[in-house]
Amino acid sequence: MAKATVRLETEDRQLLERLAPKFGGREQALREALRRLAADQDRKEAFDAFLKAWDEEDGPLSEDEIAAVAKRCGL
């Protein structure tokens, strides 16, 4: 696999250095971050699909209902 070069701002480098020991190094910390970011995106896409299906079947949810479901799902 080819190595990728990523340029980080000072603040981002400091965050990476702080997290690296917890995840077994800088590369592992970045891999974990990518996995978590992808999982977060997957959850958001599933939530949007849920809302669309709900809307098609039962009509739209109110803003309060959407906020309550999002909070319950950690979104």
Protein backbone atom coordinates (compact mmCIF):
# COMPACT_ATOMS: atom_id res chain seq x y z
CA MET A 1 0.00 0.00 0.00
CA ALA A 2 1.35 3.44 -0.88
CA LYS A 3 2.04 5.88 1.92
CA ALA A 4 -0.03 9.03 2.02
CA THR A 5 1.28 12.40 3.09
CA VAL A 6 -1.04 14.57 5.12
CA ARG A 7 -0.15 18.12 6.10
CA LEU A 8 -1.48 19.07 9.51
CA GLU A 9 -1.77 22.45 11.12
CA THR A 10 0.01 22.92 14.45
CA GLU A 11 -3.19 22.40 16.45
CA ASP A 12 -3.95 19.16 14.59
CA ARG A 13 -0.38 17.89 15.13
CA GLN A 14 -0.73 18.62 18.84
CA LEU A 15 -3.99 16.66 18.96
CA LEU A 16 -2.38 13.76 17.12
CA GLU A 17 0.59 13.71 19.48
CA ARG A 18 -1.77 13.74 22.47
CA LEU A 19 -3.84 10.84 21.10
CA ALA A 20 -1.06 8.72 19.60
CA PRO A 21 -0.05 6.97 22.85
CA LYS A 22 -3.65 5.95 23.52
CA PHE A 23 -4.00 4.26 20.13
CA GLY A 24 -0.55 2.74 19.64
CA GLY A 25 1.05 5.47 17.58
CA ARG A 26 0.22 8.25 15.17
CA GLU A 27 -0.74 5.99 12.28
CA GLN A 28 -3.06 3.93 14.47
CA ALA A 29 -4.65 7.12 15.86
CA LEU A 30 -5.30 8.36 12.33
CA ARG A 31 -6.74 5.00 11.29
CA GLU A 32 -9.05 5.02 14.31
CA ALA A 33 -10.12 8.57 13.52
CA LEU A 34 -10.97 7.60 9.93
CA ARG A 35 -12.96 4.57 11.11
CA ARG A 36 -14.89 6.68 13.61
CA LEU A 37 -15.54 9.38 11.03
CA ALA A 38 -16.83 6.77 8.56
CA ALA A 39 -19.05 5.18 11.23
CA ASP A 40 -20.42 8.61 12.14
CA GLN A 41 -21.20 9.31 8.48
CA ASP A 42 -22.88 5.91 8.13
CA ARG A 43 -25.09 6.68 11.17
CA LYS A 44 -26.06 10.06 9.74
CA GLU A 45 -26.92 8.53 6.37
CA ALA A 46 -28.99 5.80 8.06
CA PHE A 47 -30.81 8.44 10.12
CA ASP A 48 -31.59 10.47 6.98
CA ALA A 49 -32.91 7.32 5.29
CA PHE A 50 -35.02 6.55 8.37
CA LEU A 51 -36.52 10.05 8.31
CA LYS A 52 -37.25 9.80 4.59
CA ALA A 53 -38.94 6.39 5.00
CA TRP A 54 -40.93 7.67 7.99
CA ASP A 55 -42.05 10.70 6.01
CA GLU A 56 -43.15 8.54 3.08
CA GLU A 57 -45.08 6.13 5.30
CA ASP A 58 -46.51 8.29 8.09
CA GLY A 59 -45.91 11.91 7.16
CA PRO A 60 -43.25 14.25 8.40
CA LEU A 61 -42.00 14.38 11.96
CA SER A 62 -42.03 17.70 13.76
CA GLU A 63 -38.75 19.47 14.48
CA ASP A 64 -39.11 18.51 18.16
CA GLU A 65 -39.63 14.84 17.25
CA ILE A 66 -36.60 14.87 14.95
CA ALA A 67 -34.48 16.48 17.67
CA ALA A 68 -35.64 13.90 20.22
CA VAL A 69 -34.84 10.97 17.92
CA ALA A 70 -31.46 12.47 16.96
CA LYS A 71 -30.60 12.96 20.63
CA ARG A 72 -31.63 9.41 21.48
CA CYS A 73 -29.49 8.09 18.61
CA GLY A 74 -26.51 10.23 19.59
CA LEU A 75 -26.61 12.34 16.45
